[in-house]
Amino acid sequence: MKVSRARFERLVETALADIPAPFRELIVDLEISVKAAPGREAGRWRGSRTLLGLYQGLQRAEMLSPYSGSHPPARIILYQRNIESLCADEGEVSRQVRITLRHELAHHFGFSDRDLEEKWPEGA
C-alpha cells in the first residue's frame, strides 16, 4: 500500500498527537522526519528493506544531564517505503506508523531493543 508523502507525514503527526500527554511532555530536543528508505544515516542498515525507523542521538536522560554539554537534537527517522511494504491498506500503514514511532520514542526514553522485546513484544 502506498500513500503520498504528505499523507504519510499526516499519519506521523496523528501518531505523535496520540501519544499520551504525560509522555509527549517528556520529549526533549527531538526531531522527527520521514525518508523514503534507509540511506547513509542508517549505517550498516543502509538500503535495508526491513528497517522501519531509526533513533539517532542521545537518550533523554543523557540530554538532561548537567555533564552532557552541547549536543545536536536527537532524531527519529521513519522509512516510508519500508513501512508501506508491510501494509495492505491505509489503516495498516497508520497502525505501523504508530507502532514504529512509539518504538523509536522508547529509545529516546532509554529503552533498548531487548527491553522492548521483553516488555512490549508487539512494538519490538
PDB file of N, CA and C in Angstrom:
ATOM      1  N   MET A   1       0.840  -1.183   0.000  1.00  0.00           N
ATOM      2  CA  MET A   1       0.000   0.000   0.000  1.00  0.00           C
ATOM      3  C   MET A   1       0.879   1.239   0.000  1.00  0.00           C
ATOM      4  N   LYS A   2       0.656   2.129  -0.929  1.00  0.00           N
ATOM      5  CA  LYS A   2       1.421   3.374  -0.986  1.00  0.00           C
ATOM      6  C   LYS A   2       0.486   4.544  -0.725  1.00  0.00           C
ATOM      7  N   VAL A   3       1.007   5.525   0.022  1.00  0.00           N
ATOM      8  CA  VAL A   3       0.303   6.778   0.245  1.00  0.00           C
ATOM      9  C   VAL A   3       1.251   7.902  -0.145  1.00  0.00           C
ATOM     10  N   SER A   4       0.728   9.072  -0.359  1.00  0.00           N
ATOM     11  CA  SER A   4       1.591  10.202  -0.711  1.00  0.00           C
ATOM     12  C   SER A   4       2.460  10.571   0.493  1.00  0.00           C
ATOM     13  N   ARG A   5       3.557  11.266   0.222  1.00  0.00           N
ATOM     14  CA  ARG A   5       4.427  11.719   1.313  1.00  0.00           C
ATOM     15  C   ARG A   5       3.647  12.614   2.265  1.00  0.00           C
ATOM     16  N   ALA A   6       2.824  13.516   1.728  1.00  0.00           N
ATOM     17  CA  ALA A   6       2.044  14.419   2.576  1.00  0.00           C
ATOM     18  C   ALA A   6       1.104  13.627   3.487  1.00  0.00           C
ATOM     19  N   ARG A   7       0.451  12.609   2.928  1.00  0.00           N
ATOM     20  CA  ARG A   7      -0.459  11.796   3.738  1.00  0.00           C
ATOM     21  C   ARG A   7       0.305  11.025   4.800  1.00  0.00           C
ATOM     22  N   PHE A   8       1.459  10.473   4.438  1.00  0.00           N
ATOM     23  CA  PHE A   8       2.280   9.731   5.386  1.00  0.00           C
ATOM     24  C   PHE A   8       2.700  10.646   6.535  1.00  0.00           C
ATOM     25  N   GLU A   9       3.123  11.867   6.212  1.00  0.00           N
ATOM     26  CA  GLU A   9       3.535  12.811   7.259  1.00  0.00           C
ATOM     27  C   GLU A   9       2.362  13.170   8.169  1.00  0.00           C
ATOM     28  N   ARG A  10       1.151  13.255   7.610  1.00  0.00           N
ATOM     29  CA  ARG A  10      -0.030  13.498   8.457  1.00  0.00           C
ATOM     30  C   ARG A  10      -0.280  12.309   9.386  1.00  0.00           C
ATOM     31  N   LEU A  11      -0.047  11.099   8.894  1.00  0.00           N
ATOM     32  CA  LEU A  11      -0.188   9.919   9.749  1.00  0.00           C
ATOM     33  C   LEU A  11       0.826   9.955  10.894  1.00  0.00           C
ATOM     34  N   VAL A  12       2.038  10.422  10.611  1.00  0.00           N
ATOM     35  CA  VAL A  12       3.061  10.563  11.650  1.00  0.00           C
ATOM     36  C   VAL A  12       2.615  11.613  12.672  1.00  0.00           C
ATOM     37  N   GLU A  13       2.116  12.744  12.196  1.00  0.00           N
ATOM     38  CA  GLU A  13       1.645  13.797  13.103  1.00  0.00           C
ATOM     39  C   GLU A  13       0.514  13.296  13.989  1.00  0.00           C
ATOM     40  N   THR A  14      -0.405  12.534  13.409  1.00  0.00           N
ATOM     41  CA  THR A  14      -1.513  11.972  14.180  1.00  0.00           C
ATOM     42  C   THR A  14      -0.999  10.984  15.223  1.00  0.00           C
ATOM     43  N   ALA A  15      -0.055  10.141  14.823  1.00  0.00           N
ATOM     44  CA  ALA A  15       0.522   9.167  15.758  1.00  0.00           C
ATOM     45  C   ALA A  15       1.212   9.872  16.919  1.00  0.00           C
ATOM     46  N   LEU A  16       1.898  10.968  16.635  1.00  0.00           N
ATOM     47  CA  LEU A  16       2.557  11.727  17.696  1.00  0.00           C
ATOM     48  C   LEU A  16       1.520  12.368  18.613  1.00  0.00           C
ATOM     49  N   ALA A  17       0.481  12.934  18.046  1.00  0.00           N
ATOM     50  CA  ALA A  17      -0.575  13.564  18.837  1.00  0.00           C
ATOM     51  C   ALA A  17      -1.291  12.544  19.718  1.00  0.00           C
ATOM     52  N   ASP A  18      -1.313  11.274  19.288  1.00  0.00           N
ATOM     53  CA  ASP A  18      -1.981  10.223  20.046  1.00  0.00           C
ATOM     54  C   ASP A  18      -1.143   9.673  21.198  1.00  0.00           C
ATOM     55  N   ILE A  19       0.112  10.078  21.273  1.00  0.00           N
ATOM     56  CA  ILE A  19       0.950   9.673  22.414  1.00  0.00           C
ATOM     57  C   ILE A  19       0.345  10.339  23.649  1.00  0.00           C
ATOM     58  N   PRO A  20       0.143   9.611  24.735  1.00  0.00           N
ATOM     59  CA  PRO A  20      -0.423  10.247  25.932  1.00  0.00           C
ATOM     60  C   PRO A  20       0.391  11.467  26.371  1.00  0.00           C
ATOM     61  N   ALA A  21      -0.310  12.507  26.757  1.00  0.00           N
ATOM     62  CA  ALA A  21       0.320  13.786  27.108  1.00  0.00           C
ATOM     63  C   ALA A  21       1.473  13.644  28.109  1.00  0.00           C
ATOM     64  N   PRO A  22       1.351  12.816  29.145  1.00  0.00           N
ATOM     65  CA  PRO A  22       2.485  12.722  30.082  1.00  0.00           C
ATOM     66  C   PRO A  22       3.782  12.272  29.414  1.00  0.00           C
ATOM     67  N   PHE A  23       3.670  11.449  28.367  1.00  0.00           N
ATOM     68  CA  PHE A  23       4.869  11.013  27.652  1.00  0.00           C
ATOM     69  C   PHE A  23       5.329  12.072  26.650  1.00  0.00           C
ATOM     70  N   ARG A  24       4.379  12.691  25.940  1.00  0.00           N
ATOM     71  CA  ARG A  24       4.744  13.763  24.997  1.00  0.00           C
ATOM     72  C   ARG A  24       5.507  14.869  25.724  1.00  0.00           C
ATOM     73  N   GLU A  25       5.104  15.155  26.952  1.00  0.00           N
ATOM     74  CA  GLU A  25       5.755  16.219  27.721  1.00  0.00           C
ATOM     75  C   GLU A  25       7.179  15.855  28.122  1.00  0.00           C
ATOM     76  N   LEU A  26       7.542  14.583  28.054  1.00  0.00           N
ATOM     77  CA  LEU A  26       8.899  14.136  28.390  1.00  0.00           C
ATOM     78  C   LEU A  26       9.860  14.224  27.209  1.00  0.00           C
ATOM     79  N   ILE A  27       9.336  14.482  26.030  1.00  0.00           N
ATOM     80  CA  ILE A  27      10.189  14.552  24.840  1.00  0.00           C
ATOM     81  C   ILE A  27      11.051  15.805  24.917  1.00  0.00           C
ATOM     82  N   VAL A  28      12.355  15.610  24.712  1.00  0.00           N
ATOM     83  CA  VAL A  28      13.319  16.708  24.799  1.00  0.00           C
ATOM     84  C   VAL A  28      14.169  16.722  23.539  1.00  0.00           C
ATOM     85  N   ASP A  29      14.322  17.881  22.914  1.00  0.00           N
ATOM     86  CA  ASP A  29      15.254  18.046  21.790  1.00  0.00           C
ATOM     87  C   ASP A  29      15.166  16.905  20.776  1.00  0.00           C
ATOM     88  N   LEU A  30      14.027  16.737  20.157  1.00  0.00           N
ATOM     89  CA  LEU A  30      13.817  15.614  19.261  1.00  0.00           C
ATOM     90  C   LEU A  30      13.199  16.089  17.957  1.00  0.00           C
ATOM     91  N   GLU A  31      13.813  15.702  16.854  1.00  0.00           N
ATOM     92  CA  GLU A  31      13.275  15.951  15.521  1.00  0.00           C
ATOM     93  C   GLU A  31      12.710  14.638  14.991  1.00  0.00           C
ATOM     94  N   ILE A  32      11.592  14.719  14.291  1.00  0.00           N
ATOM     95  CA  ILE A  32      11.006  13.539  13.662  1.00  0.00           C
ATOM     96  C   ILE A  32      10.900  13.821  12.176  1.00  0.00           C
ATOM     97  N   SER A  33      11.447  12.914  11.375  1.00  0.00           N
ATOM     98  CA  SER A  33      11.412  13.116   9.928  1.00  0.00           C
ATOM     99  C   SER A  33      11.055  11.813   9.217  1.00  0.00           C
ATOM    100  N   VAL A  34      10.762  11.956   7.932  1.00  0.00           N
ATOM    101  CA  VAL A  34      10.404  10.827   7.085  1.00  0.00           C
ATOM    102  C   VAL A  34      11.373  10.780   5.917  1.00  0.00           C
ATOM    103  N   LYS A  35      11.851   9.588   5.615  1.00  0.00           N
ATOM    104  CA  LYS A  35      12.655   9.357   4.407  1.00  0.00           C
ATOM    105  C   LYS A  35      12.022   8.188   3.665  1.00  0.00           C
ATOM    106  N   ALA A  36      12.264   8.136   2.385  1.00  0.00           N
ATOM    107  CA  ALA A  36      11.723   7.033   1.592  1.00  0.00           C
ATOM    108  C   ALA A  36      12.302   5.697   2.047  1.00  0.00           C
ATOM    109  N   ALA A  37      13.621   5.640   2.225  1.00  0.00           N
ATOM    110  CA  ALA A  37      14.303   4.390   2.562  1.00  0.00           C
ATOM    111  C   ALA A  37      15.595   4.713   3.305  1.00  0.00           C
ATOM    112  N   PRO A  38      16.134   3.740   4.026  1.00  0.00           N
ATOM    113  CA  PRO A  38      17.384   3.974   4.755  1.00  0.00           C
ATOM    114  C   PRO A  38      18.545   4.330   3.829  1.00  0.00           C
ATOM    115  N   GLY A  39      19.212   5.392   4.163  1.00  0.00           N
ATOM    116  CA  GLY A  39      20.388   5.831   3.421  1.00  0.00           C
ATOM    117  C   GLY A  39      21.631   5.753   4.282  1.00  0.00           C
ATOM    118  N   ARG A  40      22.574   6.603   4.001  1.00  0.00           N
ATOM    119  CA  ARG A  40      23.853   6.612   4.705  1.00  0.00           C
ATOM    120  C   ARG A  40      23.691   6.736   6.224  1.00  0.00           C
ATOM    121  N   GLU A  41      22.673   7.484   6.657  1.00  0.00           N
ATOM    122  CA  GLU A  41      22.446   7.699   8.088  1.00  0.00           C
ATOM    123  C   GLU A  41      22.176   6.389   8.841  1.00  0.00           C
ATOM    124  N   ALA A  42      21.758   5.350   8.120  1.00  0.00           N
ATOM    125  CA  ALA A  42      21.395   4.078   8.745  1.00  0.00           C
ATOM    126  C   ALA A  42      22.592   3.156   8.947  1.00  0.00           C
ATOM    127  N   GLY A  43      23.786   3.598   8.554  1.00  0.00           N
ATOM    128  CA  GLY A  43      24.980   2.788   8.760  1.00  0.00           C
ATOM    129  C   GLY A  43      24.854   1.425   8.122  1.00  0.00           C
ATOM    130  N   ARG A  44      25.080   0.378   8.910  1.00  0.00           N
ATOM    131  CA  ARG A  44      25.068  -0.984   8.361  1.00  0.00           C
ATOM    132  C   ARG A  44      23.695  -1.401   7.838  1.00  0.00           C
ATOM    133  N   TRP A  45      22.651  -0.650   8.172  1.00  0.00           N
ATOM    134  CA  TRP A  45      21.300  -0.953   7.670  1.00  0.00           C
ATOM    135  C   TRP A  45      20.967  -0.158   6.412  1.00  0.00           C
ATOM    136  N   ARG A  46      21.940   0.536   5.867  1.00  0.00           N
ATOM    137  CA  ARG A  46      21.714   1.302   4.633  1.00  0.00           C
ATOM    138  C   ARG A  46      21.147   0.375   3.556  1.00  0.00           C
ATOM    139  N   GLY A  47      20.074   0.813   2.943  1.00  0.00           N
ATOM    140  CA  GLY A  47      19.450   0.018   1.903  1.00  0.00           C
ATOM    141  C   GLY A  47      18.573  -1.113   2.413  1.00  0.00           C
ATOM    142  N   SER A  48      18.488  -1.265   3.739  1.00  0.00           N
ATOM    143  CA  SER A  48      17.659  -2.329   4.311  1.00  0.00           C
ATOM    144  C   SER A  48      16.205  -2.149   3.899  1.00  0.00           C
ATOM    145  N   ARG A  49      15.556  -3.259   3.651  1.00  0.00           N
ATOM    146  CA  ARG A  49      14.121  -3.213   3.335  1.00  0.00           C
ATOM    147  C   ARG A  49      13.273  -3.529   4.553  1.00  0.00           C
ATOM    148  N   THR A  50      13.932  -3.848   5.673  1.00  0.00           N
ATOM    149  CA  THR A  50      13.199  -4.212   6.878  1.00  0.00           C
ATOM    150  C   THR A  50      13.276  -3.157   7.980  1.00  0.00           C
ATOM    151  N   LEU A  51      14.197  -2.209   7.870  1.00  0.00           N
ATOM    152  CA  LEU A  51      14.323  -1.159   8.888  1.00  0.00           C
ATOM    153  C   LEU A  51      13.171  -0.173   8.717  1.00  0.00           C
ATOM    154  N   LEU A  52      12.333  -0.065   9.738  1.00  0.00           N
ATOM    155  CA  LEU A  52      11.151   0.789   9.658  1.00  0.00           C
ATOM    156  C   LEU A  52      11.401   2.178  10.218  1.00  0.00           C
ATOM    157  N   GLY A  53      12.291   2.264  11.196  1.00  0.00           N
ATOM    158  CA  GLY A  53      12.595   3.540  11.823  1.00  0.00           C
ATOM    159  C   GLY A  53      13.973   3.494  12.441  1.00  0.00           C
ATOM    160  N   LEU A  54      14.476   4.672  12.781  1.00  0.00           N
ATOM    161  CA  LEU A  54      15.822   4.783  13.341  1.00  0.00           C
ATOM    162  C   LEU A  54      15.836   5.905  14.357  1.00  0.00           C
ATOM    163  N   TYR A  55      16.474   5.650  15.494  1.00  0.00           N
ATOM    164  CA  TYR A  55      16.689   6.689  16.506  1.00  0.00           C
ATOM    165  C   TYR A  55      18.161   7.027  16.505  1.00  0.00           C
ATOM    166  N   GLN A  56      18.471   8.312  16.412  1.00  0.00           N
ATOM    167  CA  GLN A  56      19.863   8.771  16.432  1.00  0.00           C
ATOM    168  C   GLN A  56      20.004   9.840  17.504  1.00  0.00           C
ATOM    169  N   GLY A  57      21.088   9.767  18.236  1.00  0.00           N
ATOM    170  CA  GLY A  57      21.370  10.809  19.207  1.00  0.00           C
ATOM    171  C   GLY A  57      21.355  10.304  20.636  1.00  0.00           C
ATOM    172  N   LEU A  58      21.503  11.260  21.539  1.00  0.00           N
ATOM    173  CA  LEU A  58      21.497  10.934  22.958  1.00  0.00           C
ATOM    174  C   LEU A  58      20.094  10.567  23.412  1.00  0.00           C
ATOM    175  N   GLN A  59      20.035   9.745  24.445  1.00  0.00           N
ATOM    176  CA  GLN A  59      18.745   9.468  25.073  1.00  0.00           C
ATOM    177  C   GLN A  59      18.368  10.656  25.955  1.00  0.00           C
ATOM    178  N   ARG A  60      17.102  10.730  26.290  1.00  0.00           N
ATOM    179  CA  ARG A  60      16.568  11.845  27.058  1.00  0.00           C
ATOM    180  C   ARG A  60      17.384  12.112  28.326  1.00  0.00           C
ATOM    181  N   ALA A  61      17.668  11.084  29.114  1.00  0.00           N
ATOM    182  CA  ALA A  61      18.389  11.258  30.373  1.00  0.00           C
ATOM    183  C   ALA A  61      19.777  11.843  30.137  1.00  0.00           C
ATOM    184  N   GLU A  62      20.431  11.409  29.062  1.00  0.00           N
ATOM    185  CA  GLU A  62      21.758  11.940  28.743  1.00  0.00           C
ATOM    186  C   GLU A  62      21.667  13.413  28.363  1.00  0.00           C
ATOM    187  N   MET A  63      20.629  13.784  27.629  1.00  0.00           N
ATOM    188  CA  MET A  63      20.455  15.181  27.230  1.00  0.00           C
ATOM    189  C   MET A  63      20.264  16.088  28.431  1.00  0.00           C
ATOM    190  N   LEU A  64      19.577  15.580  29.449  1.00  0.00           N
ATOM    191  CA  LEU A  64      19.261  16.386  30.618  1.00  0.00           C
ATOM    192  C   LEU A  64      20.378  16.400  31.652  1.00  0.00           C
ATOM    193  N   SER A  65      21.381  15.566  31.459  1.00  0.00           N
ATOM    194  CA  SER A  65      22.497  15.511  32.394  1.00  0.00           C
ATOM    195  C   SER A  65      23.280  16.820  32.356  1.00  0.00           C
ATOM    196  N   PRO A  66      23.681  17.326  33.508  1.00  0.00           N
ATOM    197  CA  PRO A  66      24.491  18.545  33.516  1.00  0.00           C
ATOM    198  C   PRO A  66      25.867  18.335  32.889  1.00  0.00           C
ATOM    199  N   TYR A  67      26.236  17.087  32.649  1.00  0.00           N
ATOM    200  CA  TYR A  67      27.541  16.770  32.072  1.00  0.00           C
ATOM    201  C   TYR A  67      27.483  16.539  30.560  1.00  0.00           C
ATOM    202  N   SER A  68      26.300  16.652  29.964  1.00  0.00           N
ATOM    203  CA  SER A  68      26.169  16.314  28.546  1.00  0.00           C
ATOM    204  C   SER A  68      26.746  17.378  27.628  1.00  0.00           C
ATOM    205  N   GLY A  69      26.848  18.607  28.106  1.00  0.00           N
ATOM    206  CA  GLY A  69      27.378  19.667  27.248  1.00  0.00           C
ATOM    207  C   GLY A  69      26.448  19.944  26.088  1.00  0.00           C
ATOM    208  N   SER A  70      26.998  20.550  25.077  1.00  0.00           N
ATOM    209  CA  SER A  70      26.218  20.889  23.890  1.00  0.00           C
ATOM    210  C   SER A  70      26.050  19.648  23.021  1.00  0.00           C
ATOM    211  N   HIS A  71      24.876  19.491  22.459  1.00  0.00           N
ATOM    212  CA  HIS A  71      24.626  18.327  21.608  1.00  0.00           C
ATOM    213  C   HIS A  71      23.546  18.682  20.599  1.00  0.00           C
ATOM    214  N   PRO A  72      23.592  18.049  19.443  1.00  0.00           N
ATOM    215  CA  PRO A  72      22.507  18.263  18.472  1.00  0.00           C
ATOM    216  C   PRO A  72      21.248  17.567  18.964  1.00  0.00           C
ATOM    217  N   PRO A  73      20.100  17.951  18.441  1.00  0.00           N
ATOM    218  CA  PRO A  73      18.872  17.256  18.829  1.00  0.00           C
ATOM    219  C   PRO A  73      18.930  15.788  18.415  1.00  0.00           C
ATOM    220  N   ALA A  74      18.234  14.959  19.161  1.00  0.00           N
ATOM    221  CA  ALA A  74      18.067  13.570  18.754  1.00  0.00           C
ATOM    222  C   ALA A  74      17.125  13.561  17.554  1.00  0.00           C
ATOM    223  N   ARG A  75      17.104  12.445  16.854  1.00  0.00           N
ATOM    224  CA  ARG A  75      16.326  12.387  15.629  1.00  0.00           C
ATOM    225  C   ARG A  75      15.691  11.014  15.468  1.00  0.00           C
ATOM    226  N   ILE A  76      14.421  11.030  15.100  1.00  0.00           N
ATOM    227  CA  ILE A  76      13.727   9.805  14.708  1.00  0.00           C
ATOM    228  C   ILE A  76      13.461   9.932  13.214  1.00  0.00           C
ATOM    229  N   ILE A  77      13.814   8.888  12.480  1.00  0.00           N
ATOM    230  CA  ILE A  77      13.529   8.837  11.049  1.00  0.00           C
ATOM    231  C   ILE A  77      12.609   7.641  10.817  1.00  0.00           C
ATOM    232  N   LEU A  78      11.499   7.876  10.146  1.00  0.00           N
ATOM    233  CA  LEU A  78      10.602   6.799   9.747  1.00  0.00           C
ATOM    234  C   LEU A  78      10.778   6.567   8.254  1.00  0.00           C
ATOM    235  N   TYR A  79      10.882   5.301   7.857  1.00  0.00           N
ATOM    236  CA  TYR A  79      11.148   4.954   6.469  1.00  0.00           C
ATOM    237  C   TYR A  79       9.844   4.532   5.781  1.00  0.00           C
ATOM    238  N   GLN A  80       9.329   5.433   4.981  1.00  0.00           N
ATOM    239  CA  GLN A  80       8.005   5.282   4.392  1.00  0.00           C
ATOM    240  C   GLN A  80       7.863   4.032   3.545  1.00  0.00           C
ATOM    241  N   ARG A  81       8.758   3.814   2.602  1.00  0.00           N
ATOM    242  CA  ARG A  81       8.606   2.661   1.697  1.00  0.00           C
ATOM    243  C   ARG A  81       8.643   1.334   2.459  1.00  0.00           C
ATOM    244  N   ASN A  82       9.499   1.252   3.468  1.00  0.00           N
ATOM    245  CA  ASN A  82       9.593   0.011   4.235  1.00  0.00           C
ATOM    246  C   ASN A  82       8.319  -0.241   5.042  1.00  0.00           C
ATOM    247  N   ILE A  83       7.770   0.809   5.620  1.00  0.00           N
ATOM    248  CA  ILE A  83       6.519   0.669   6.360  1.00  0.00           C
ATOM    249  C   ILE A  83       5.400   0.288   5.400  1.00  0.00           C
ATOM    250  N   GLU A  84       5.304   0.985   4.283  1.00  0.00           N
ATOM    251  CA  GLU A  84       4.248   0.690   3.310  1.00  0.00           C
ATOM    252  C   GLU A  84       4.325  -0.749   2.805  1.00  0.00           C
ATOM    253  N   SER A  85       5.535  -1.271   2.666  1.00  0.00           N
ATOM    254  CA  SER A  85       5.688  -2.622   2.104  1.00  0.00           C
ATOM    255  C   SER A  85       5.069  -3.703   2.984  1.00  0.00           C
ATOM    256  N   LEU A  86       4.828  -3.395   4.242  1.00  0.00           N
ATOM    257  CA  LEU A  86       4.225  -4.361   5.167  1.00  0.00           C
ATOM    258  C   LEU A  86       2.710  -4.282   5.204  1.00  0.00           C
ATOM    259  N   CYS A  87       2.146  -3.282   4.531  1.00  0.00           N
ATOM    260  CA  CYS A  87       0.747  -2.939   4.757  1.00  0.00           C
ATOM    261  C   CYS A  87      -0.109  -3.126   3.509  1.00  0.00           C
ATOM    262  N   ALA A  88      -1.349  -3.589   3.740  1.00  0.00           N
ATOM    263  CA  ALA A  88      -2.286  -3.817   2.640  1.00  0.00           C
ATOM    264  C   ALA A  88      -3.220  -2.645   2.413  1.00  0.00           C
ATOM    265  N   ASP A  89      -3.386  -1.790   3.432  1.00  0.00           N
ATOM    266  CA  ASP A  89      -4.285  -0.642   3.280  1.00  0.00           C
ATOM    267  C   ASP A  89      -3.816   0.499   4.179  1.00  0.00           C
ATOM    268  N   GLU A  90      -4.465   1.646   4.043  1.00  0.00           N
ATOM    269  CA  GLU A  90      -4.033   2.823   4.793  1.00  0.00           C
ATOM    270  C   GLU A  90      -4.186   2.644   6.304  1.00  0.00           C
ATOM    271  N   GLY A  91      -5.178   1.878   6.711  1.00  0.00           N
ATOM    272  CA  GLY A  91      -5.343   1.601   8.138  1.00  0.00           C
ATOM    273  C   GLY A  91      -4.136   0.877   8.707  1.00  0.00           C
ATOM    274  N   GLU A  92      -3.608  -0.079   7.946  1.00  0.00           N
ATOM    275  CA  GLU A  92      -2.405  -0.796   8.385  1.00  0.00           C
ATOM    276  C   GLU A  92      -1.193   0.129   8.385  1.00  0.00           C
ATOM    277  N   VAL A  93      -1.089   1.016   7.392  1.00  0.00           N
ATOM    278  CA  VAL A  93       0.016   1.985   7.370  1.00  0.00           C
ATOM    279  C   VAL A  93      -0.052   2.838   8.631  1.00  0.00           C
ATOM    280  N   SER A  94      -1.232   3.325   8.955  1.00  0.00           N
ATOM    281  CA  SER A  94      -1.407   4.156  10.144  1.00  0.00           C
ATOM    282  C   SER A  94      -0.997   3.399  11.404  1.00  0.00           C
ATOM    283  N   ARG A  95      -1.419   2.147  11.518  1.00  0.00           N
ATOM    284  CA  ARG A  95      -1.067   1.335  12.687  1.00  0.00           C
ATOM    285  C   ARG A  95       0.437   1.109  12.764  1.00  0.00           C
ATOM    286  N   GLN A  96       1.070   0.808  11.636  1.00  0.00           N
ATOM    287  CA  GLN A  96       2.511   0.550  11.650  1.00  0.00           C
ATOM    288  C   GLN A  96       3.295   1.821  11.953  1.00  0.00           C
ATOM    289  N   VAL A  97       2.839   2.954  11.448  1.00  0.00           N
ATOM    290  CA  VAL A  97       3.483   4.240  11.784  1.00  0.00           C
ATOM    291  C   VAL A  97       3.419   4.451  13.294  1.00  0.00           C
ATOM    292  N   ARG A  98       2.248   4.205  13.876  1.00  0.00           N
ATOM    293  CA  ARG A  98       2.079   4.383  15.320  1.00  0.00           C
ATOM    294  C   ARG A  98       3.025   3.483  16.106  1.00  0.00           C
ATOM    295  N   ILE A  99       3.084   2.211  15.728  1.00  0.00           N
ATOM    296  CA  ILE A  99       3.959   1.259  16.429  1.00  0.00           C
ATOM    297  C   ILE A  99       5.421   1.664  16.271  1.00  0.00           C
ATOM    298  N   THR A 100       5.818   2.006  15.057  1.00  0.00           N
ATOM    299  CA  THR A 100       7.221   2.353  14.798  1.00  0.00           C
ATOM    300  C   THR A 100       7.610   3.633  15.531  1.00  0.00           C
ATOM    301  N   LEU A 101       6.754   4.632  15.499  1.00  0.00           N
ATOM    302  CA  LEU A 101       7.050   5.880  16.213  1.00  0.00           C
ATOM    303  C   LEU A 101       7.193   5.612  17.709  1.00  0.00           C
ATOM    304  N   ARG A 102       6.301   4.819  18.275  1.00  0.00           N
ATOM    305  CA  ARG A 102       6.391   4.518  19.707  1.00  0.00           C
ATOM    306  C   ARG A 102       7.659   3.727  20.025  1.00  0.00           C
ATOM    307  N   HIS A 103       8.046   2.826  19.135  1.00  0.00           N
ATOM    308  CA  HIS A 103       9.285   2.072  19.324  1.00  0.00           C
ATOM    309  C   HIS A 103      10.479   3.028  19.389  1.00  0.00           C
ATOM    310  N   GLU A 104      10.546   3.949  18.441  1.00  0.00           N
ATOM    311  CA  GLU A 104      11.675   4.883  18.407  1.00  0.00           C
ATOM    312  C   GLU A 104      11.626   5.857  19.585  1.00  0.00           C
ATOM    313  N   LEU A 105      10.428   6.270  19.998  1.00  0.00           N
ATOM    314  CA  LEU A 105      10.309   7.119  21.191  1.00  0.00           C
ATOM    315  C   LEU A 105      10.786   6.375  22.434  1.00  0.00           C
ATOM    316  N   ALA A 106      10.544   5.072  22.484  1.00  0.00           N
ATOM    317  CA  ALA A 106      11.029   4.280  23.616  1.00  0.00           C
ATOM    318  C   ALA A 106      12.553   4.366  23.703  1.00  0.00           C
ATOM    319  N   HIS A 107      13.246   4.393  22.568  1.00  0.00           N
ATOM    320  CA  HIS A 107      14.702   4.570  22.586  1.00  0.00           C
ATOM    321  C   HIS A 107      15.056   5.947  23.144  1.00  0.00           C
ATOM    322  N   HIS A 108      14.292   6.957  22.786  1.00  0.00           N
ATOM    323  CA  HIS A 108      14.511   8.306  23.332  1.00  0.00           C
ATOM    324  C   HIS A 108      14.415   8.285  24.858  1.00  0.00           C
ATOM    325  N   PHE A 109      13.481   7.478  25.375  1.00  0.00           N
ATOM    326  CA  PHE A 109      13.277   7.392  26.819  1.00  0.00           C
ATOM    327  C   PHE A 109      14.238   6.424  27.500  1.00  0.00           C
ATOM    328  N   GLY A 110      15.106   5.764  26.719  1.00  0.00           N
ATOM    329  CA  GLY A 110      16.155   4.947  27.311  1.00  0.00           C
ATOM    330  C   GLY A 110      15.971   3.445  27.222  1.00  0.00           C
ATOM    331  N   PHE A 111      14.949   2.980  26.516  1.00  0.00           N
ATOM    332  CA  PHE A 111      14.745   1.538  26.373  1.00  0.00           C
ATOM    333  C   PHE A 111      15.623   0.977  25.253  1.00  0.00           C
ATOM    334  N   SER A 112      16.177  -0.190  25.495  1.00  0.00           N
ATOM    335  CA  SER A 112      16.941  -0.883  24.458  1.00  0.00           C
ATOM    336  C   SER A 112      15.991  -1.771  23.665  1.00  0.00           C
ATOM    337  N   ASP A 113      16.463  -2.315  22.551  1.00  0.00           N
ATOM    338  CA  ASP A 113      15.651  -3.262  21.784  1.00  0.00           C
ATOM    339  C   ASP A 113      15.308  -4.481  22.647  1.00  0.00           C
ATOM    340  N   ARG A 114      16.244  -4.926  23.463  1.00  0.00           N
ATOM    341  CA  ARG A 114      15.990  -6.081  24.338  1.00  0.00           C
ATOM    342  C   ARG A 114      14.881  -5.758  25.343  1.00  0.00           C
ATOM    343  N   ASP A 115      14.938  -4.553  25.949  1.00  0.00           N
ATOM    344  CA  ASP A 115      13.869  -4.129  26.868  1.00  0.00           C
ATOM    345  C   ASP A 115      12.519  -4.189  26.169  1.00  0.00           C
ATOM    346  N   LEU A 116      12.478  -3.684  24.939  1.00  0.00           N
ATOM    347  CA  LEU A 116      11.219  -3.653  24.199  1.00  0.00           C
ATOM    348  C   LEU A 116      10.719  -5.052  23.884  1.00  0.00           C
ATOM    349  N   GLU A 117      11.615  -5.953  23.524  1.00  0.00           N
ATOM    350  CA  GLU A 117      11.203  -7.339  23.244  1.00  0.00           C
ATOM    351  C   GLU A 117      10.566  -7.972  24.465  1.00  0.00           C
ATOM    352  N   GLU A 118      11.126  -7.673  25.641  1.00  0.00           N
ATOM    353  CA  GLU A 118      10.623  -8.271  26.884  1.00  0.00           C
ATOM    354  C   GLU A 118       9.327  -7.611  27.336  1.00  0.00           C
ATOM    355  N   LYS A 119       9.242  -6.280  27.215  1.00  0.00           N
ATOM    356  CA  LYS A 119       8.127  -5.543  27.812  1.00  0.00           C
ATOM    357  C   LYS A 119       7.025  -5.172  26.827  1.00  0.00           C
ATOM    358  N   TRP A 120       7.348  -5.136  25.541  1.00  0.00           N
ATOM    359  CA  TRP A 120       6.365  -4.712  24.538  1.00  0.00           C
ATOM    360  C   TRP A 120       6.640  -5.453  23.233  1.00  0.00           C
ATOM    361  N   PRO A 121       6.382  -6.763  23.198  1.00  0.00           N
ATOM    362  CA  PRO A 121       6.722  -7.571  22.026  1.00  0.00           C
ATOM    363  C   PRO A 121       6.116  -7.052  20.731  1.00  0.00           C
ATOM    364  N   GLU A 122       4.886  -6.510  20.778  1.00  0.00           N
ATOM    365  CA  GLU A 122       4.243  -6.006  19.566  1.00  0.00           C
ATOM    366  C   GLU A 122       5.059  -4.872  18.946  1.00  0.00           C
ATOM    367  N   GLY A 123       5.684  -4.068  19.765  1.00  0.00           N
ATOM    368  CA  GLY A 123       6.403  -2.908  19.264  1.00  0.00           C
ATOM    369  C   GLY A 123       7.897  -3.090  19.126  1.00  0.00           C
ATOM    370  N   ALA A 124       8.373  -4.301  19.384  1.00  0.00           N
ATOM    371  CA  ALA A 124       9.825  -4.519  19.375  1.00  0.00           C
ATOM    372  C   ALA A 124      10.386  -4.680  17.998  1.00  0.00           C
TER     373      ALA A 124
END
